[in-house]
Amino acid sequence: MVLPETILGQILQIFRSEGIERHSEGELIERLGIDEDDYNALFTSKADMVQKVIRYDLELSEQRDKELLQHAENPVEEIFLLLLNGIKELRSISPAYIIDMQQYYPQVWQMCLDHLNSYNHDLNYTVINKGVVQGYFRKDINLQLVTKIILEQFNMIINPVVFPPDRYDMGEVFRSVYLYYVRGLCTDQGSRLAENYFSRNNI
């Protein structure tokens, strides 16, 4: 039997590149080249399959963040690494991936929003607070409010009513919203580092 992680990973790649609703379960089974019994042993329905695949995607995202931040030298670099990775991720996925999730799997979409408001909130709060303590971010910022704004900006970016994906490049929207906002949080010391990252990454 094919390992569950292998199947989840293969389906995730299809979803991210082509969207969730483009293929039926039967088409996915055929494309993956697996036995229907193996598929049915893992998933009770397409909704169950989508939920497990998206949960797997969130777990991978957390692991990528952990590995990414190990290479950062300071909180400014941590923020920029997270933002640049966010740009890369949004540019690498089909808009249909998010739209299908929002339209056809609202419970799964809510799971993503809950993850954003817990894991991503705590991660951003921790990094920004560390930057304040170390003198890279302004001491007069409201940590709770800044963290909330960062999360709400993400909600705005992925809202197809605000930024229809057929009209806007999601990676470009992400860059325009976040990268300039972060500069406004920086002290003079942090701004010098931010400018360095802007120029080094051609942002």
Foldseek 3Di string as FASTA:
>chain_A
DDDPVVLLVVLLVCCFAPNLPPDDPVRSCVVVVHDPVVVVVQAVHSLRSVLVSVVSVVVVVVVVLVVQCVPDDALLVSVVSVLVVVLVSLQRGDLNHLVCCVPPPVVSVVVVLVCCVPVVLVVQLVSLVRCCVVQFFPVPDDSNVVSVVVSVLVVQLSPCVNPPVVRDRSSVSSCVPPLVVVCVGTDPVNNVVSVVVCVVVVD
